[in-house]
């Protein structure tokens, strides 16, 4: 599936996903390697929020957020949507395998990664 993006007019996606880790409080989070901010830990709720906001931007293209819609801006929001969906999928699959209750309902649209 990742090969499909190579046929796009957009640049190749930047993948930011890392491993699932347990933080100091015992909560499982996903490593997120942001080129701008470094490595962060994302919860299910944060990933779901990123997914909703990035999909909203891709659909509605809010001018107050992005006054000019270029291919680079489009690629940025696409990357956020792809990483958020894959990351949420990965974190929830990990929690399901460990019999840990999910905090966010999620129905992935993309095939399993």
PDB file of N, CA and C in Angstrom:
ATOM      1  N   UNK A   1       0.825  -1.191   0.000  1.00  0.00           N
ATOM      2  CA  UNK A   1       0.000   0.000   0.000  1.00  0.00           C
ATOM      3  C   UNK A   1       0.871   1.257   0.000  1.00  0.00           C
ATOM      4  N   UNK A   2       2.001   1.218   0.690  1.00  0.00           N
ATOM      5  CA  UNK A   2       2.850   2.397   0.733  1.00  0.00           C
ATOM      6  C   UNK A   2       3.383   2.735  -0.655  1.00  0.00           C
ATOM      7  N   UNK A   3       3.464   1.765  -1.555  1.00  0.00           N
ATOM      8  CA  UNK A   3       3.910   2.037  -2.920  1.00  0.00           C
ATOM      9  C   UNK A   3       2.907   2.909  -3.679  1.00  0.00           C
ATOM     10  N   UNK A   4       1.632   2.844  -3.288  1.00  0.00           N
ATOM     11  CA  UNK A   4       0.618   3.657  -3.952  1.00  0.00           C
ATOM     12  C   UNK A   4       0.914   5.142  -3.816  1.00  0.00           C
ATOM     13  N   UNK A   5       1.537   5.533  -2.705  1.00  0.00           N
ATOM     14  CA  UNK A   5       1.835   6.943  -2.492  1.00  0.00           C
ATOM     15  C   UNK A   5       2.950   7.423  -3.408  1.00  0.00           C
ATOM     16  N   UNK A   6       3.755   6.522  -3.924  1.00  0.00           N
ATOM     17  CA  UNK A   6       4.849   6.917  -4.810  1.00  0.00           C
ATOM     18  C   UNK A   6       4.327   7.395  -6.160  1.00  0.00           C
ATOM     19  N   UNK A   7       3.091   7.040  -6.493  1.00  0.00           N
ATOM     20  CA  UNK A   7       2.492   7.461  -7.751  1.00  0.00           C
ATOM     21  C   UNK A   7       1.722   8.767  -7.601  1.00  0.00           C
ATOM     22  N   UNK A   8       1.769   9.354  -6.432  1.00  0.00           N
ATOM     23  CA  UNK A   8       1.039  10.579  -6.151  1.00  0.00           C
ATOM     24  C   UNK A   8       1.836  11.791  -6.628  1.00  0.00           C
ATOM     25  N   UNK A   9       1.139  12.928  -6.760  1.00  0.00           N
ATOM     26  CA  UNK A   9       1.847  14.170  -7.085  1.00  0.00           C
ATOM     27  C   UNK A   9       2.533  14.733  -5.846  1.00  0.00           C
ATOM     28  N   UNK A  10       2.169  14.216  -4.681  1.00  0.00           N
ATOM     29  CA  UNK A  10       2.788  14.665  -3.440  1.00  0.00           C
ATOM     30  C   UNK A  10       4.096  13.922  -3.206  1.00  0.00           C
ATOM     31  N   UNK A  11       4.937  14.503  -2.379  1.00  0.00           N
ATOM     32  CA  UNK A  11       6.179  13.828  -2.008  1.00  0.00           C
ATOM     33  C   UNK A  11       5.837  12.564  -1.220  1.00  0.00           C
ATOM     34  N   UNK A  12       6.813  11.673  -1.060  1.00  0.00           N
ATOM     35  CA  UNK A  12       6.599  10.466  -0.265  1.00  0.00           C
ATOM     36  C   UNK A  12       6.256  10.855   1.166  1.00  0.00           C
ATOM     37  N   UNK A  13       5.418  10.068   1.835  1.00  0.00           N
ATOM     38  CA  UNK A  13       5.067  10.393   3.221  1.00  0.00           C
ATOM     39  C   UNK A  13       6.283  10.327   4.142  1.00  0.00           C
ATOM     40  N   UNK A  14       6.255  11.153   5.170  1.00  0.00           N
ATOM     41  CA  UNK A  14       7.252  11.079   6.234  1.00  0.00           C
ATOM     42  C   UNK A  14       6.613  10.262   7.346  1.00  0.00           C
ATOM     43  N   UNK A  15       7.227   9.137   7.674  1.00  0.00           N
ATOM     44  CA  UNK A  15       6.687   8.253   8.712  1.00  0.00           C
ATOM     45  C   UNK A  15       7.321   8.606  10.043  1.00  0.00           C
ATOM     46  N   UNK A  16       6.499   8.821  11.060  1.00  0.00           N
ATOM     47  CA  UNK A  16       6.956   9.286  12.369  1.00  0.00           C
ATOM     48  C   UNK A  16       6.746   8.261  13.473  1.00  0.00           C
ATOM     49  N   UNK A  17       6.272   7.074  13.141  1.00  0.00           N
ATOM     50  CA  UNK A  17       5.884   6.108  14.155  1.00  0.00           C
ATOM     51  C   UNK A  17       7.072   5.351  14.708  1.00  0.00           C
ATOM     52  N   UNK A  18       7.052   5.165  16.019  1.00  0.00           N
ATOM     53  CA  UNK A  18       8.071   4.376  16.693  1.00  0.00           C
ATOM     54  C   UNK A  18       7.424   3.183  17.383  1.00  0.00           C
ATOM     55  N   UNK A  19       8.007   2.777  18.482  1.00  0.00           N
ATOM     56  CA  UNK A  19       7.525   1.620  19.228  1.00  0.00           C
ATOM     57  C   UNK A  19       6.474   2.030  20.256  1.00  0.00           C
ATOM     58  N   UNK A  20       5.751   1.032  20.744  1.00  0.00           N
ATOM     59  CA  UNK A  20       4.859   1.238  21.872  1.00  0.00           C
ATOM     60  C   UNK A  20       5.706   1.085  23.123  1.00  0.00           C
ATOM     61  N   UNK A  21       5.629   2.073  24.010  1.00  0.00           N
ATOM     62  CA  UNK A  21       6.429   2.060  25.243  1.00  0.00           C
ATOM     63  C   UNK A  21       5.524   2.323  26.434  1.00  0.00           C
ATOM     64  N   UNK A  22       6.002   1.898  27.596  1.00  0.00           N
ATOM     65  CA  UNK A  22       5.286   2.152  28.839  1.00  0.00           C
ATOM     66  C   UNK A  22       5.942   3.345  29.521  1.00  0.00           C
ATOM     67  N   UNK A  23       5.163   4.361  29.862  1.00  0.00           N
ATOM     68  CA  UNK A  23       5.741   5.541  30.500  1.00  0.00           C
ATOM     69  C   UNK A  23       5.887   5.314  32.009  1.00  0.00           C
ATOM     70  N   UNK A  24       6.362   6.317  32.718  1.00  0.00           N
ATOM     71  CA  UNK A  24       6.621   6.208  34.157  1.00  0.00           C
ATOM     72  C   UNK A  24       5.354   5.915  34.966  1.00  0.00           C
ATOM     73  N   UNK A  25       4.190   6.313  34.446  1.00  0.00           N
ATOM     74  CA  UNK A  25       2.914   6.074  35.137  1.00  0.00           C
ATOM     75  C   UNK A  25       2.306   4.719  34.798  1.00  0.00           C
ATOM     76  N   UNK A  26       2.985   3.932  33.977  1.00  0.00           N
ATOM     77  CA  UNK A  26       2.477   2.614  33.594  1.00  0.00           C
ATOM     78  C   UNK A  26       1.512   2.638  32.427  1.00  0.00           C
ATOM     79  N   UNK A  27       1.365   3.775  31.771  1.00  0.00           N
ATOM     80  CA  UNK A  27       0.465   3.884  30.621  1.00  0.00           C
ATOM     81  C   UNK A  27       1.248   3.602  29.337  1.00  0.00           C
ATOM     82  N   UNK A  28       0.625   2.853  28.448  1.00  0.00           N
ATOM     83  CA  UNK A  28       1.270   2.544  27.178  1.00  0.00           C
ATOM     84  C   UNK A  28       1.007   3.671  26.187  1.00  0.00           C
ATOM     85  N   UNK A  29       2.080   4.113  25.549  1.00  0.00           N
ATOM     86  CA  UNK A  29       2.003   5.196  24.584  1.00  0.00           C
ATOM     87  C   UNK A  29       2.831   4.846  23.361  1.00  0.00           C
ATOM     88  N   UNK A  30       2.615   5.587  22.299  1.00  0.00           N
ATOM     89  CA  UNK A  30       3.340   5.372  21.049  1.00  0.00           C
ATOM     90  C   UNK A  30       4.420   6.435  20.895  1.00  0.00           C
ATOM     91  N   UNK A  31       5.627   5.999  20.549  1.00  0.00           N
ATOM     92  CA  UNK A  31       6.684   6.958  20.236  1.00  0.00           C
ATOM     93  C   UNK A  31       6.343   7.640  18.921  1.00  0.00           C
ATOM     94  N   UNK A  32       6.545   8.941  18.895  1.00  0.00           N
ATOM     95  CA  UNK A  32       6.214   9.757  17.727  1.00  0.00           C
ATOM     96  C   UNK A  32       7.442  10.606  17.440  1.00  0.00           C
ATOM     97  N   UNK A  33       8.113  10.338  16.331  1.00  0.00           N
ATOM     98  CA  UNK A  33       9.349  11.033  15.984  1.00  0.00           C
ATOM     99  C   UNK A  33       9.030  12.205  15.056  1.00  0.00           C
ATOM    100  N   UNK A  34       8.751  13.343  15.648  1.00  0.00           N
ATOM    101  CA  UNK A  34       8.399  14.541  14.891  1.00  0.00           C
ATOM    102  C   UNK A  34       9.685  15.233  14.439  1.00  0.00           C
ATOM    103  N   UNK A  35       9.847  15.468  13.128  1.00  0.00           N
ATOM    104  CA  UNK A  35      11.069  16.112  12.646  1.00  0.00           C
ATOM    105  C   UNK A  35      11.285  17.500  13.264  1.00  0.00           C
ATOM    106  N   UNK A  36      10.215  18.175  13.639  1.00  0.00           N
ATOM    107  CA  UNK A  36      10.316  19.525  14.172  1.00  0.00           C
ATOM    108  C   UNK A  36      10.537  19.552  15.691  1.00  0.00           C
ATOM    109  N   UNK A  37       9.896  18.608  16.422  1.00  0.00           N
ATOM    110  CA  UNK A  37       9.920  18.660  17.882  1.00  0.00           C
ATOM    111  C   UNK A  37      10.667  17.493  18.543  1.00  0.00           C
ATOM    112  N   UNK A  38      11.157  16.554  17.776  1.00  0.00           N
ATOM    113  CA  UNK A  38      11.861  15.411  18.357  1.00  0.00           C
ATOM    114  C   UNK A  38      10.902  14.286  18.714  1.00  0.00           C
ATOM    115  N   UNK A  39      11.319  13.416  19.618  1.00  0.00           N
ATOM    116  CA  UNK A  39      10.514  12.260  19.993  1.00  0.00           C
ATOM    117  C   UNK A  39       9.551  12.618  21.120  1.00  0.00           C
ATOM    118  N   UNK A  40       8.290  12.298  20.895  1.00  0.00           N
ATOM    119  CA  UNK A  40       7.223  12.538  21.861  1.00  0.00           C
ATOM    120  C   UNK A  40       6.512  11.215  22.119  1.00  0.00           C
ATOM    121  N   UNK A  41       5.777  11.127  23.209  1.00  0.00           N
ATOM    122  CA  UNK A  41       4.940   9.962  23.485  1.00  0.00           C
ATOM    123  C   UNK A  41       3.490  10.375  23.314  1.00  0.00           C
ATOM    124  N   UNK A  42       2.742   9.615  22.510  1.00  0.00           N
ATOM    125  CA  UNK A  42       1.350   9.953  22.206  1.00  0.00           C
ATOM    126  C   UNK A  42       0.406   8.907  22.787  1.00  0.00           C
ATOM    127  N   UNK A  43      -0.663   9.379  23.426  1.00  0.00           N
ATOM    128  CA  UNK A  43      -1.706   8.507  23.941  1.00  0.00           C
ATOM    129  C   UNK A  43      -2.717   8.214  22.838  1.00  0.00           C
ATOM    130  N   UNK A  44      -3.630   7.303  23.139  1.00  0.00           N
ATOM    131  CA  UNK A  44      -4.715   7.031  22.191  1.00  0.00           C
ATOM    132  C   UNK A  44      -5.514   8.295  21.902  1.00  0.00           C
ATOM    133  N   UNK A  45      -5.809   9.044  22.963  1.00  0.00           N
ATOM    134  CA  UNK A  45      -6.616  10.255  22.801  1.00  0.00           C
ATOM    135  C   UNK A  45      -5.909  11.280  21.917  1.00  0.00           C
ATOM    136  N   UNK A  46      -4.610  11.444  22.106  1.00  0.00           N
ATOM    137  CA  UNK A  46      -3.851  12.403  21.295  1.00  0.00           C
ATOM    138  C   UNK A  46      -3.822  11.966  19.836  1.00  0.00           C
ATOM    139  N   UNK A  47      -3.638  10.679  19.598  1.00  0.00           N
ATOM    140  CA  UNK A  47      -3.614  10.180  18.221  1.00  0.00           C
ATOM    141  C   UNK A  47      -4.982  10.350  17.560  1.00  0.00           C
ATOM    142  N   UNK A  48      -6.044  10.074  18.312  1.00  0.00           N
ATOM    143  CA  UNK A  48      -7.398  10.248  17.766  1.00  0.00           C
ATOM    144  C   UNK A  48      -7.669  11.719  17.450  1.00  0.00           C
ATOM    145  N   UNK A  49      -7.203  12.623  18.321  1.00  0.00           N
ATOM    146  CA  UNK A  49      -7.382  14.055  18.077  1.00  0.00           C
ATOM    147  C   UNK A  49      -6.621  14.483  16.811  1.00  0.00           C
ATOM    148  N   UNK A  50      -5.372  14.023  16.673  1.00  0.00           N
ATOM    149  CA  UNK A  50      -4.590  14.339  15.476  1.00  0.00           C
ATOM    150  C   UNK A  50      -5.291  13.815  14.221  1.00  0.00           C
ATOM    151  N   UNK A  51      -5.846  12.613  14.311  1.00  0.00           N
ATOM    152  CA  UNK A  51      -6.536  12.027  13.164  1.00  0.00           C
ATOM    153  C   UNK A  51      -7.749  12.866  12.772  1.00  0.00           C
ATOM    154  N   UNK A  52      -8.568  13.227  13.745  1.00  0.00           N
ATOM    155  CA  UNK A  52      -9.766  14.034  13.442  1.00  0.00           C
ATOM    156  C   UNK A  52      -9.399  15.395  12.868  1.00  0.00           C
ATOM    157  N   UNK A  53      -8.413  16.062  13.470  1.00  0.00           N
ATOM    158  CA  UNK A  53      -8.064  17.403  13.004  1.00  0.00           C
ATOM    159  C   UNK A  53      -7.407  17.366  11.625  1.00  0.00           C
ATOM    160  N   UNK A  54      -6.563  16.379  11.377  1.00  0.00           N
ATOM    161  CA  UNK A  54      -5.904  16.313  10.069  1.00  0.00           C
ATOM    162  C   UNK A  54      -6.899  15.951   8.967  1.00  0.00           C
ATOM    163  N   UNK A  55      -7.830  15.045   9.259  1.00  0.00           N
ATOM    164  CA  UNK A  55      -8.853  14.725   8.258  1.00  0.00           C
ATOM    165  C   UNK A  55      -9.738  15.931   7.988  1.00  0.00           C
ATOM    166  N   UNK A  56     -10.063  16.687   9.041  1.00  0.00           N
ATOM    167  CA  UNK A  56     -10.857  17.900   8.869  1.00  0.00           C
ATOM    168  C   UNK A  56     -10.130  18.899   7.975  1.00  0.00           C
ATOM    169  N   UNK A  57      -8.828  19.059   8.196  1.00  0.00           N
ATOM    170  CA  UNK A  57      -8.046  19.980   7.359  1.00  0.00           C
ATOM    171  C   UNK A  57      -7.996  19.508   5.906  1.00  0.00           C
ATOM    172  N   UNK A  58      -7.838  18.210   5.703  1.00  0.00           N
ATOM    173  CA  UNK A  58      -7.775  17.689   4.334  1.00  0.00           C
ATOM    174  C   UNK A  58      -9.098  17.869   3.597  1.00  0.00           C
ATOM    175  N   UNK A  59     -10.193  17.799   4.322  1.00  0.00           N
ATOM    176  CA  UNK A  59     -11.511  17.933   3.701  1.00  0.00           C
ATOM    177  C   UNK A  59     -11.901  19.398   3.540  1.00  0.00           C
ATOM    178  N   UNK A  60     -11.752  20.181   4.604  1.00  0.00           N
ATOM    179  CA  UNK A  60     -12.273  21.546   4.618  1.00  0.00           C
ATOM    180  C   UNK A  60     -11.252  22.633   4.299  1.00  0.00           C
ATOM    181  N   UNK A  61      -9.972  22.320   4.408  1.00  0.00           N
ATOM    182  CA  UNK A  61      -8.904  23.271   4.096  1.00  0.00           C
ATOM    183  C   UNK A  61      -9.151  24.646   4.719  1.00  0.00           C
ATOM    184  N   UNK A  62      -9.147  24.680   6.032  1.00  0.00           N
ATOM    185  CA  UNK A  62      -9.429  25.911   6.770  1.00  0.00           C
ATOM    186  C   UNK A  62      -8.391  26.987   6.464  1.00  0.00           C
ATOM    187  N   UNK A  63      -8.839  28.093   5.904  1.00  0.00           N
ATOM    188  CA  UNK A  63      -7.934  29.187   5.524  1.00  0.00           C
ATOM    189  C   UNK A  63      -7.337  29.893   6.733  1.00  0.00           C
ATOM    190  N   UNK A  64      -8.003  29.852   7.871  1.00  0.00           N
ATOM    191  CA  UNK A  64      -7.446  30.485   9.061  1.00  0.00           C
ATOM    192  C   UNK A  64      -6.217  29.729   9.567  1.00  0.00           C
ATOM    193  N   UNK A  65      -6.160  28.432   9.294  1.00  0.00           N
ATOM    194  CA  UNK A  65      -5.010  27.621   9.712  1.00  0.00           C
ATOM    195  C   UNK A  65      -3.935  27.641   8.632  1.00  0.00           C
ATOM    196  N   UNK A  66      -4.331  27.403   7.408  1.00  0.00           N
ATOM    197  CA  UNK A  66      -3.408  27.383   6.264  1.00  0.00           C
ATOM    198  C   UNK A  66      -3.956  28.328   5.193  1.00  0.00           C
ATOM    199  N   UNK A  67      -3.517  29.589   5.189  1.00  0.00           N
ATOM    200  CA  UNK A  67      -4.055  30.564   4.232  1.00  0.00           C
ATOM    201  C   UNK A  67      -3.812  30.178   2.767  1.00  0.00           C
ATOM    202  N   UNK A  68      -2.688  29.527   2.492  1.00  0.00           N
ATOM    203  CA  UNK A  68      -2.373  29.122   1.118  1.00  0.00           C
ATOM    204  C   UNK A  68      -2.196  27.607   1.107  1.00  0.00           C
ATOM    205  N   UNK A  69      -2.947  26.946   0.245  1.00  0.00           N
ATOM    206  CA  UNK A  69      -2.912  25.489   0.188  1.00  0.00           C
ATOM    207  C   UNK A  69      -1.967  25.052  -0.941  1.00  0.00           C
ATOM    208  N   UNK A  70      -0.749  24.679  -0.552  1.00  0.00           N
ATOM    209  CA  UNK A  70       0.257  24.232  -1.513  1.00  0.00           C
ATOM    210  C   UNK A  70       0.388  22.715  -1.433  1.00  0.00           C
ATOM    211  N   UNK A  71       1.166  22.149  -2.340  1.00  0.00           N
ATOM    212  CA  UNK A  71       1.415  20.706  -2.284  1.00  0.00           C
ATOM    213  C   UNK A  71       2.131  20.321  -0.991  1.00  0.00           C
ATOM    214  N   UNK A  72       3.021  21.179  -0.512  1.00  0.00           N
ATOM    215  CA  UNK A  72       3.738  20.882   0.737  1.00  0.00           C
ATOM    216  C   UNK A  72       2.793  20.904   1.942  1.00  0.00           C
ATOM    217  N   UNK A  73       1.864  21.847   1.971  1.00  0.00           N
ATOM    218  CA  UNK A  73       0.872  21.902   3.049  1.00  0.00           C
ATOM    219  C   UNK A  73      -0.024  20.670   2.986  1.00  0.00           C
ATOM    220  N   UNK A  74      -0.447  20.316   1.798  1.00  0.00           N
ATOM    221  CA  UNK A  74      -1.280  19.141   1.593  1.00  0.00           C
ATOM    222  C   UNK A  74      -0.540  17.899   2.095  1.00  0.00           C
ATOM    223  N   UNK A  75       0.729  17.764   1.754  1.00  0.00           N
ATOM    224  CA  UNK A  75       1.529  16.618   2.189  1.00  0.00           C
ATOM    225  C   UNK A  75       1.686  16.590   3.710  1.00  0.00           C
ATOM    226  N   UNK A  76       1.836  17.759   4.334  1.00  0.00           N
ATOM    227  CA  UNK A  76       1.976  17.825   5.793  1.00  0.00           C
ATOM    228  C   UNK A  76       0.746  17.260   6.489  1.00  0.00           C
ATOM    229  N   UNK A  77      -0.444  17.676   6.045  1.00  0.00           N
ATOM    230  CA  UNK A  77      -1.675  17.200   6.674  1.00  0.00           C
ATOM    231  C   UNK A  77      -1.952  15.744   6.320  1.00  0.00           C
ATOM    232  N   UNK A  78      -1.582  15.328   5.114  1.00  0.00           N
ATOM    233  CA  UNK A  78      -1.706  13.916   4.746  1.00  0.00           C
ATOM    234  C   UNK A  78      -0.828  13.057   5.643  1.00  0.00           C
ATOM    235  N   UNK A  79       0.426  13.508   5.878  1.00  0.00           N
ATOM    236  CA  UNK A  79       1.346  12.768   6.743  1.00  0.00           C
ATOM    237  C   UNK A  79       0.793  12.628   8.155  1.00  0.00           C
ATOM    238  N   UNK A  80       0.232  13.708   8.667  1.00  0.00           N
ATOM    239  CA  UNK A  80      -0.337  13.666  10.006  1.00  0.00           C
ATOM    240  C   UNK A  80      -1.503  12.679  10.064  1.00  0.00           C
ATOM    241  N   UNK A  81      -2.357  12.677   9.049  1.00  0.00           N
ATOM    242  CA  UNK A  81      -3.481  11.748   9.021  1.00  0.00           C
ATOM    243  C   UNK A  81      -3.008  10.296   8.922  1.00  0.00           C
ATOM    244  N   UNK A  82      -2.065  10.021   8.029  1.00  0.00           N
ATOM    245  CA  UNK A  82      -1.556   8.654   7.876  1.00  0.00           C
ATOM    246  C   UNK A  82      -0.882   8.157   9.147  1.00  0.00           C
ATOM    247  N   UNK A  83      -0.020   8.981   9.717  1.00  0.00           N
ATOM    248  CA  UNK A  83       0.688   8.585  10.928  1.00  0.00           C
ATOM    249  C   UNK A  83      -0.265   8.404  12.106  1.00  0.00           C
ATOM    250  N   UNK A  84      -1.248   9.267  12.220  1.00  0.00           N
ATOM    251  CA  UNK A  84      -2.197   9.168  13.318  1.00  0.00           C
ATOM    252  C   UNK A  84      -3.022   7.898  13.223  1.00  0.00           C
ATOM    253  N   UNK A  85      -3.507   7.603  12.023  1.00  0.00           N
ATOM    254  CA  UNK A  85      -4.327   6.395  11.874  1.00  0.00           C
ATOM    255  C   UNK A  85      -3.500   5.135  12.093  1.00  0.00           C
ATOM    256  N   UNK A  86      -2.333   5.062  11.466  1.00  0.00           N
ATOM    257  CA  UNK A  86      -1.459   3.894  11.659  1.00  0.00           C
ATOM    258  C   UNK A  86      -0.999   3.774  13.110  1.00  0.00           C
ATOM    259  N   UNK A  87      -0.677   4.911  13.733  1.00  0.00           N
ATOM    260  CA  UNK A  87      -0.224   4.886  15.117  1.00  0.00           C
ATOM    261  C   UNK A  87      -1.312   4.435  16.074  1.00  0.00           C
ATOM    262  N   UNK A  88      -2.513   4.930  15.870  1.00  0.00           N
ATOM    263  CA  UNK A  88      -3.643   4.522  16.706  1.00  0.00           C
ATOM    264  C   UNK A  88      -3.922   3.043  16.519  1.00  0.00           C
ATOM    265  N   UNK A  89      -3.857   2.597  15.298  1.00  0.00           N
ATOM    266  CA  UNK A  89      -4.053   1.185  14.990  1.00  0.00           C
ATOM    267  C   UNK A  89      -2.988   0.327  15.707  1.00  0.00           C
ATOM    268  N   UNK A  90      -1.747   0.757  15.645  1.00  0.00           N
ATOM    269  CA  UNK A  90      -0.640   0.013  16.254  1.00  0.00           C
ATOM    270  C   UNK A  90      -0.769  -0.022  17.778  1.00  0.00           C
ATOM    271  N   UNK A  91      -1.067   1.121  18.394  1.00  0.00           N
ATOM    272  CA  UNK A  91      -1.194   1.196  19.845  1.00  0.00           C
ATOM    273  C   UNK A  91      -2.370   0.366  20.333  1.00  0.00           C
ATOM    274  N   UNK A  92      -3.498   0.454  19.656  1.00  0.00           N
ATOM    275  CA  UNK A  92      -4.664  -0.314  20.081  1.00  0.00           C
ATOM    276  C   UNK A  92      -4.470  -1.813  19.875  1.00  0.00           C
ATOM    277  N   UNK A  93      -3.816  -2.196  18.804  1.00  0.00           N
ATOM    278  CA  UNK A  93      -3.545  -3.620  18.591  1.00  0.00           C
ATOM    279  C   UNK A  93      -2.655  -4.150  19.717  1.00  0.00           C
ATOM    280  N   UNK A  94      -1.643  -3.373  20.093  1.00  0.00           N
ATOM    281  CA  UNK A  94      -0.750  -3.768  21.178  1.00  0.00           C
ATOM    282  C   UNK A  94      -1.531  -3.932  22.486  1.00  0.00           C
ATOM    283  N   UNK A  95      -2.395  -2.953  22.795  1.00  0.00           N
ATOM    284  CA  UNK A  95      -3.178  -3.021  24.020  1.00  0.00           C
ATOM    285  C   UNK A  95      -4.152  -4.203  23.998  1.00  0.00           C
ATOM    286  N   UNK A  96      -4.745  -4.471  22.859  1.00  0.00           N
ATOM    287  CA  UNK A  96      -5.645  -5.620  22.742  1.00  0.00           C
ATOM    288  C   UNK A  96      -4.900  -6.929  22.995  1.00  0.00           C
ATOM    289  N   UNK A  97      -3.689  -7.040  22.458  1.00  0.00           N
ATOM    290  CA  UNK A  97      -2.899  -8.251  22.656  1.00  0.00           C
ATOM    291  C   UNK A  97      -2.529  -8.450  24.120  1.00  0.00           C
ATOM    292  N   UNK A  98      -2.392  -7.353  24.867  1.00  0.00           N
ATOM    293  CA  UNK A  98      -2.035  -7.411  26.296  1.00  0.00           C
ATOM    294  C   UNK A  98      -3.273  -7.368  27.199  1.00  0.00           C
ATOM    295  N   UNK A  99      -4.470  -7.428  26.604  1.00  0.00           N
ATOM    296  CA  UNK A  99      -5.738  -7.370  27.337  1.00  0.00           C
ATOM    297  C   UNK A  99      -5.855  -6.118  28.201  1.00  0.00           C
ATOM    298  N   UNK A 100      -5.464  -4.988  27.636  1.00  0.00           N
ATOM    299  CA  UNK A 100      -5.578  -3.691  28.301  1.00  0.00           C
ATOM    300  C   UNK A 100      -6.752  -2.959  27.663  1.00  0.00           C
ATOM    301  N   UNK A 101      -7.597  -2.393  28.508  1.00  0.00           N
ATOM    302  CA  UNK A 101      -8.789  -1.698  27.998  1.00  0.00           C
ATOM    303  C   UNK A 101      -8.387  -0.498  27.142  1.00  0.00           C
ATOM    304  N   UNK A 102      -9.091  -0.339  26.026  1.00  0.00           N
ATOM    305  CA  UNK A 102      -8.869   0.815  25.153  1.00  0.00           C
ATOM    306  C   UNK A 102      -9.611   2.018  25.713  1.00  0.00           C
ATOM    307  N   UNK A 103      -9.060   3.190  25.492  1.00  0.00           N
ATOM    308  CA  UNK A 103      -9.711   4.410  25.964  1.00  0.00           C
ATOM    309  C   UNK A 103     -10.406   5.158  24.833  1.00  0.00           C
ATOM    310  N   UNK A 104     -10.184   4.726  23.617  1.00  0.00           N
ATOM    311  CA  UNK A 104     -10.752   5.411  22.458  1.00  0.00           C
ATOM    312  C   UNK A 104     -11.340   4.373  21.498  1.00  0.00           C
ATOM    313  N   UNK A 105     -12.609   4.500  21.130  1.00  0.00           N
ATOM    314  CA  UNK A 105     -13.132   3.584  20.121  1.00  0.00           C
ATOM    315  C   UNK A 105     -12.515   3.936  18.759  1.00  0.00           C
ATOM    316  N   UNK A 106     -12.228   2.921  17.967  1.00  0.00           N
ATOM    317  CA  UNK A 106     -11.562   3.173  16.694  1.00  0.00           C
ATOM    318  C   UNK A 106     -11.902   2.056  15.719  1.00  0.00           C
ATOM    319  N   UNK A 107     -12.252   2.431  14.529  1.00  0.00           N
ATOM    320  CA  UNK A 107     -12.466   1.470  13.457  1.00  0.00           C
ATOM    321  C   UNK A 107     -11.542   1.860  12.314  1.00  0.00           C
ATOM    322  N   UNK A 108     -10.406   1.178  12.178  1.00  0.00           N
ATOM    323  CA  UNK A 108      -9.451   1.576  11.128  1.00  0.00           C
ATOM    324  C   UNK A 108     -10.035   1.396   9.732  1.00  0.00           C
ATOM    325  N   UNK A 109      -9.723   2.341   8.875  1.00  0.00           N
ATOM    326  CA  UNK A 109     -10.149   2.265   7.481  1.00  0.00           C
ATOM    327  C   UNK A 109      -9.050   1.662   6.618  1.00  0.00           C
ATOM    328  N   UNK A 110      -7.804   1.797   7.067  1.00  0.00           N
ATOM    329  CA  UNK A 110      -6.687   1.256   6.308  1.00  0.00           C
ATOM    330  C   UNK A 110      -6.435  -0.181   6.728  1.00  0.00           C
ATOM    331  N   UNK A 111      -5.892  -0.998   5.829  1.00  0.00           N
ATOM    332  CA  UNK A 111      -5.540  -2.367   6.216  1.00  0.00           C
ATOM    333  C   UNK A 111      -4.505  -2.356   7.323  1.00  0.00           C
ATOM    334  N   UNK A 112      -4.447  -3.449   8.071  1.00  0.00           N
ATOM    335  CA  UNK A 112      -3.474  -3.565   9.158  1.00  0.00           C
ATOM    336  C   UNK A 112      -2.071  -3.290   8.645  1.00  0.00           C
ATOM    337  N   UNK A 113      -1.270  -2.619   9.474  1.00  0.00           N
ATOM    338  CA  UNK A 113       0.110  -2.346   9.092  1.00  0.00           C
ATOM    339  C   UNK A 113       1.025  -3.394   9.697  1.00  0.00           C
TER     340      UNK A 113
END
